[in-house]
Amino acid sequence: MKISDVLRQTGFSRNAVTLMYKEIAQMIDLGALDKLCCLFECQVADMLEFADEQR
């Protein structure tokens, strides 16, 4: 799926989608996460990963 497809189907800004795509977003709104899970037909656990920054 292209970024433009995600933009069109979610209404998110290009900047927000680009930050998520590049995995450099500092935070994500729960409503946005819900929209992404619906779009990709997945669970929250499929979208997020815990990274221990102290290692």
PDB file of N, CA and C in Angstrom:
ATOM      1  N   MET A   1       0.844  -1.171   0.000  1.00  0.00           N
ATOM      2  CA  MET A   1       0.000   0.000   0.000  1.00  0.00           C
ATOM      3  C   MET A   1       0.892   1.238   0.000  1.00  0.00           C
ATOM      4  N   LYS A   2       0.533   2.206  -0.786  1.00  0.00           N
ATOM      5  CA  LYS A   2       1.307   3.449  -0.883  1.00  0.00           C
ATOM      6  C   LYS A   2       0.886   4.425   0.214  1.00  0.00           C
ATOM      7  N   ILE A   3       1.782   5.338   0.547  1.00  0.00           N
ATOM      8  CA  ILE A   3       1.473   6.369   1.533  1.00  0.00           C
ATOM      9  C   ILE A   3       0.244   7.150   1.095  1.00  0.00           C
ATOM     10  N   SER A   4       0.138   7.449  -0.189  1.00  0.00           N
ATOM     11  CA  SER A   4      -1.021   8.206  -0.682  1.00  0.00           C
ATOM     12  C   SER A   4      -2.329   7.450  -0.437  1.00  0.00           C
ATOM     13  N   ASP A   5      -2.294   6.121  -0.487  1.00  0.00           N
ATOM     14  CA  ASP A   5      -3.489   5.321  -0.189  1.00  0.00           C
ATOM     15  C   ASP A   5      -3.887   5.473   1.277  1.00  0.00           C
ATOM     16  N   VAL A   6      -2.896   5.431   2.155  1.00  0.00           N
ATOM     17  CA  VAL A   6      -3.155   5.584   3.594  1.00  0.00           C
ATOM     18  C   VAL A   6      -3.711   6.981   3.863  1.00  0.00           C
ATOM     19  N   LEU A   7      -3.138   7.999   3.231  1.00  0.00           N
ATOM     20  CA  LEU A   7      -3.627   9.373   3.396  1.00  0.00           C
ATOM     21  C   LEU A   7      -5.098   9.476   3.006  1.00  0.00           C
ATOM     22  N   ARG A   8      -5.412   8.950   1.857  1.00  0.00           N
ATOM     23  CA  ARG A   8      -6.771   9.035   1.326  1.00  0.00           C
ATOM     24  C   ARG A   8      -7.770   8.283   2.212  1.00  0.00           C
ATOM     25  N   GLN A   9      -7.388   7.126   2.709  1.00  0.00           N
ATOM     26  CA  GLN A   9      -8.327   6.289   3.468  1.00  0.00           C
ATOM     27  C   GLN A   9      -8.454   6.670   4.936  1.00  0.00           C
ATOM     28  N   THR A  10      -7.469   7.390   5.468  1.00  0.00           N
ATOM     29  CA  THR A  10      -7.509   7.752   6.889  1.00  0.00           C
ATOM     30  C   THR A  10      -7.741   9.230   7.146  1.00  0.00           C
ATOM     31  N   GLY A  11      -7.346  10.084   6.204  1.00  0.00           N
ATOM     32  CA  GLY A  11      -7.451  11.521   6.424  1.00  0.00           C
ATOM     33  C   GLY A  11      -6.299  12.088   7.228  1.00  0.00           C
ATOM     34  N   PHE A  12      -5.282  11.286   7.489  1.00  0.00           N
ATOM     35  CA  PHE A  12      -4.105  11.759   8.222  1.00  0.00           C
ATOM     36  C   PHE A  12      -3.290  12.709   7.354  1.00  0.00           C
ATOM     37  N   SER A  13      -2.453  13.532   7.998  1.00  0.00           N
ATOM     38  CA  SER A  13      -1.552  14.413   7.247  1.00  0.00           C
ATOM     39  C   SER A  13      -0.394  13.591   6.681  1.00  0.00           C
ATOM     40  N   ARG A  14       0.181  14.083   5.592  1.00  0.00           N
ATOM     41  CA  ARG A  14       1.327  13.405   4.989  1.00  0.00           C
ATOM     42  C   ARG A  14       2.471  13.307   5.992  1.00  0.00           C
ATOM     43  N   ASN A  15       2.692  14.367   6.764  1.00  0.00           N
ATOM     44  CA  ASN A  15       3.776  14.369   7.738  1.00  0.00           C
ATOM     45  C   ASN A  15       3.590  13.264   8.775  1.00  0.00           C
ATOM     46  N   ALA A  16       2.380  13.115   9.297  1.00  0.00           N
ATOM     47  CA  ALA A  16       2.108  12.088  10.310  1.00  0.00           C
ATOM     48  C   ALA A  16       2.358  10.691   9.755  1.00  0.00           C
ATOM     49  N   VAL A  17       1.885  10.428   8.545  1.00  0.00           N
ATOM     50  CA  VAL A  17       2.060   9.106   7.936  1.00  0.00           C
ATOM     51  C   VAL A  17       3.537   8.850   7.640  1.00  0.00           C
ATOM     52  N   THR A  18       4.237   9.859   7.164  1.00  0.00           N
ATOM     53  CA  THR A  18       5.662   9.704   6.866  1.00  0.00           C
ATOM     54  C   THR A  18       6.454   9.383   8.131  1.00  0.00           C
ATOM     55  N   LEU A  19       6.147  10.069   9.234  1.00  0.00           N
ATOM     56  CA  LEU A  19       6.842   9.796  10.501  1.00  0.00           C
ATOM     57  C   LEU A  19       6.597   8.365  10.975  1.00  0.00           C
ATOM     58  N   MET A  20       5.353   7.896  10.818  1.00  0.00           N
ATOM     59  CA  MET A  20       5.044   6.518  11.212  1.00  0.00           C
ATOM     60  C   MET A  20       5.734   5.528  10.275  1.00  0.00           C
ATOM     61  N   TYR A  21       5.718   5.826   8.996  1.00  0.00           N
ATOM     62  CA  TYR A  21       6.333   4.936   8.004  1.00  0.00           C
ATOM     63  C   TYR A  21       7.839   4.788   8.255  1.00  0.00           C
ATOM     64  N   LYS A  22       8.491   5.891   8.573  1.00  0.00           N
ATOM     65  CA  LYS A  22       9.932   5.864   8.821  1.00  0.00           C
ATOM     66  C   LYS A  22      10.274   5.409  10.241  1.00  0.00           C
ATOM     67  N   GLU A  23       9.222   5.133  11.034  1.00  0.00           N
ATOM     68  CA  GLU A  23       9.364   4.680  12.421  1.00  0.00           C
ATOM     69  C   GLU A  23      10.119   5.680  13.284  1.00  0.00           C
ATOM     70  N   ILE A  24       9.836   6.977  13.076  1.00  0.00           N
ATOM     71  CA  ILE A  24      10.471   8.012  13.887  1.00  0.00           C
ATOM     72  C   ILE A  24       9.441   8.875  14.619  1.00  0.00           C
ATOM     73  N   ALA A  25       8.168   8.500  14.543  1.00  0.00           N
ATOM     74  CA  ALA A  25       7.120   9.228  15.261  1.00  0.00           C
ATOM     75  C   ALA A  25       7.362   9.083  16.759  1.00  0.00           C
ATOM     76  N   GLN A  26       7.243  10.169  17.497  1.00  0.00           N
ATOM     77  CA  GLN A  26       7.472  10.150  18.937  1.00  0.00           C
ATOM     78  C   GLN A  26       6.248   9.667  19.709  1.00  0.00           C
ATOM     79  N   MET A  27       5.059   9.890  19.147  1.00  0.00           N
ATOM     80  CA  MET A  27       3.826   9.411  19.779  1.00  0.00           C
ATOM     81  C   MET A  27       2.750   9.277  18.708  1.00  0.00           C
ATOM     82  N   ILE A  28       1.717   8.514  19.052  1.00  0.00           N
ATOM     83  CA  ILE A  28       0.599   8.326  18.130  1.00  0.00           C
ATOM     84  C   ILE A  28      -0.698   8.372  18.918  1.00  0.00           C
ATOM     85  N   ASP A  29      -1.670   9.055  18.391  1.00  0.00           N
ATOM     86  CA  ASP A  29      -2.981   9.184  18.995  1.00  0.00           C
ATOM     87  C   ASP A  29      -3.702   7.833  18.957  1.00  0.00           C
ATOM     88  N   LEU A  30      -4.438   7.511  20.009  1.00  0.00           N
ATOM     89  CA  LEU A  30      -5.149   6.227  20.047  1.00  0.00           C
ATOM     90  C   LEU A  30      -6.192   6.118  18.941  1.00  0.00           C
ATOM     91  N   GLY A  31      -6.821   7.222  18.595  1.00  0.00           N
ATOM     92  CA  GLY A  31      -7.783   7.213  17.501  1.00  0.00           C
ATOM     93  C   GLY A  31      -7.110   6.902  16.174  1.00  0.00           C
ATOM     94  N   ALA A  32      -5.909   7.442  15.985  1.00  0.00           N
ATOM     95  CA  ALA A  32      -5.144   7.174  14.765  1.00  0.00           C
ATOM     96  C   ALA A  32      -4.732   5.709  14.716  1.00  0.00           C
ATOM     97  N   LEU A  33      -4.317   5.184  15.857  1.00  0.00           N
ATOM     98  CA  LEU A  33      -3.930   3.778  15.923  1.00  0.00           C
ATOM     99  C   LEU A  33      -5.124   2.885  15.590  1.00  0.00           C
ATOM    100  N   ASP A  34      -6.291   3.256  16.088  1.00  0.00           N
ATOM    101  CA  ASP A  34      -7.507   2.502  15.795  1.00  0.00           C
ATOM    102  C   ASP A  34      -7.811   2.519  14.294  1.00  0.00           C
ATOM    103  N   LYS A  35      -7.697   3.689  13.665  1.00  0.00           N
ATOM    104  CA  LYS A  35      -7.941   3.794  12.219  1.00  0.00           C
ATOM    105  C   LYS A  35      -6.967   2.924  11.427  1.00  0.00           C
ATOM    106  N   LEU A  36      -5.701   2.925  11.838  1.00  0.00           N
ATOM    107  CA  LEU A  36      -4.703   2.113  11.140  1.00  0.00           C
ATOM    108  C   LEU A  36      -4.994   0.624  11.295  1.00  0.00           C
ATOM    109  N   CYS A  37      -5.388   0.218  12.494  1.00  0.00           N
ATOM    110  CA  CYS A  37      -5.720  -1.194  12.714  1.00  0.00           C
ATOM    111  C   CYS A  37      -6.919  -1.613  11.871  1.00  0.00           C
ATOM    112  N   CYS A  38      -7.907  -0.736  11.754  1.00  0.00           N
ATOM    113  CA  CYS A  38      -9.063  -1.038  10.900  1.00  0.00           C
ATOM    114  C   CYS A  38      -8.642  -1.107   9.438  1.00  0.00           C
ATOM    115  N   LEU A  39      -7.819  -0.170   9.007  1.00  0.00           N
ATOM    116  CA  LEU A  39      -7.371  -0.134   7.615  1.00  0.00           C
ATOM    117  C   LEU A  39      -6.592  -1.393   7.247  1.00  0.00           C
ATOM    118  N   PHE A  40      -5.675  -1.802   8.116  1.00  0.00           N
ATOM    119  CA  PHE A  40      -4.817  -2.951   7.822  1.00  0.00           C
ATOM    120  C   PHE A  40      -5.375  -4.273   8.361  1.00  0.00           C
ATOM    121  N   GLU A  41      -6.569  -4.208   8.995  1.00  0.00           N
ATOM    122  CA  GLU A  41      -7.205  -5.399   9.550  1.00  0.00           C
ATOM    123  C   GLU A  41      -6.247  -6.180  10.443  1.00  0.00           C
ATOM    124  N   CYS A  42      -5.745  -5.472  11.459  1.00  0.00           N
ATOM    125  CA  CYS A  42      -4.782  -6.083  12.373  1.00  0.00           C
ATOM    126  C   CYS A  42      -5.077  -5.642  13.804  1.00  0.00           C
ATOM    127  N   GLN A  43      -4.308  -6.144  14.738  1.00  0.00           N
ATOM    128  CA  GLN A  43      -4.417  -5.798  16.145  1.00  0.00           C
ATOM    129  C   GLN A  43      -3.349  -4.766  16.509  1.00  0.00           C
ATOM    130  N   VAL A  44      -3.557  -4.080  17.619  1.00  0.00           N
ATOM    131  CA  VAL A  44      -2.591  -3.079  18.083  1.00  0.00           C
ATOM    132  C   VAL A  44      -1.205  -3.700  18.238  1.00  0.00           C
ATOM    133  N   ALA A  45      -1.132  -4.896  18.766  1.00  0.00           N
ATOM    134  CA  ALA A  45       0.158  -5.567  18.973  1.00  0.00           C
ATOM    135  C   ALA A  45       0.907  -5.804  17.663  1.00  0.00           C
ATOM    136  N   ASP A  46       0.191  -5.862  16.550  1.00  0.00           N
ATOM    137  CA  ASP A  46       0.837  -6.020  15.247  1.00  0.00           C
ATOM    138  C   ASP A  46       1.481  -4.721  14.776  1.00  0.00           C
ATOM    139  N   MET A  47       1.042  -3.597  15.347  1.00  0.00           N
ATOM    140  CA  MET A  47       1.502  -2.287  14.902  1.00  0.00           C
ATOM    141  C   MET A  47       2.629  -1.724  15.764  1.00  0.00           C
ATOM    142  N   LEU A  48       2.665  -2.102  17.038  1.00  0.00           N
ATOM    143  CA  LEU A  48       3.611  -1.491  17.976  1.00  0.00           C
ATOM    144  C   LEU A  48       4.671  -2.480  18.429  1.00  0.00           C
ATOM    145  N   GLU A  49       5.809  -1.931  18.765  1.00  0.00           N
ATOM    146  CA  GLU A  49       6.918  -2.740  19.270  1.00  0.00           C
ATOM    147  C   GLU A  49       7.586  -1.970  20.395  1.00  0.00           C
ATOM    148  N   PHE A  50       7.875  -2.627  21.507  1.00  0.00           N
ATOM    149  CA  PHE A  50       8.578  -2.000  22.613  1.00  0.00           C
ATOM    150  C   PHE A  50      10.077  -2.039  22.332  1.00  0.00           C
ATOM    151  N   ALA A  51      10.715  -0.894  22.465  1.00  0.00           N
ATOM    152  CA  ALA A  51      12.165  -0.812  22.277  1.00  0.00           C
ATOM    153  C   ALA A  51      12.768  -0.212  23.526  1.00  0.00           C
ATOM    154  N   ASP A  52      13.590  -0.969  24.209  1.00  0.00           N
ATOM    155  CA  ASP A  52      14.249  -0.498  25.424  1.00  0.00           C
ATOM    156  C   ASP A  52      15.417   0.397  25.015  1.00  0.00           C
ATOM    157  N   GLU A  53      15.264   1.690  25.198  1.00  0.00           N
ATOM    158  CA  GLU A  53      16.271   2.659  24.752  1.00  0.00           C
ATOM    159  C   GLU A  53      17.522   2.650  25.628  1.00  0.00           C
ATOM    160  N   GLN A  54      17.492   1.990  26.778  1.00  0.00           N
ATOM    161  CA  GLN A  54      18.633   1.982  27.682  1.00  0.00           C
ATOM    162  C   GLN A  54      19.671   0.938  27.319  1.00  0.00           C
ATOM    163  N   ARG A  55      19.374   0.089  26.369  1.00  0.00           N
ATOM    164  CA  ARG A  55      20.335  -0.969  25.990  1.00  0.00           C
ATOM    165  C   ARG A  55      21.374  -0.441  25.066  1.00  0.00           C
TER     166      ARG A  55
END
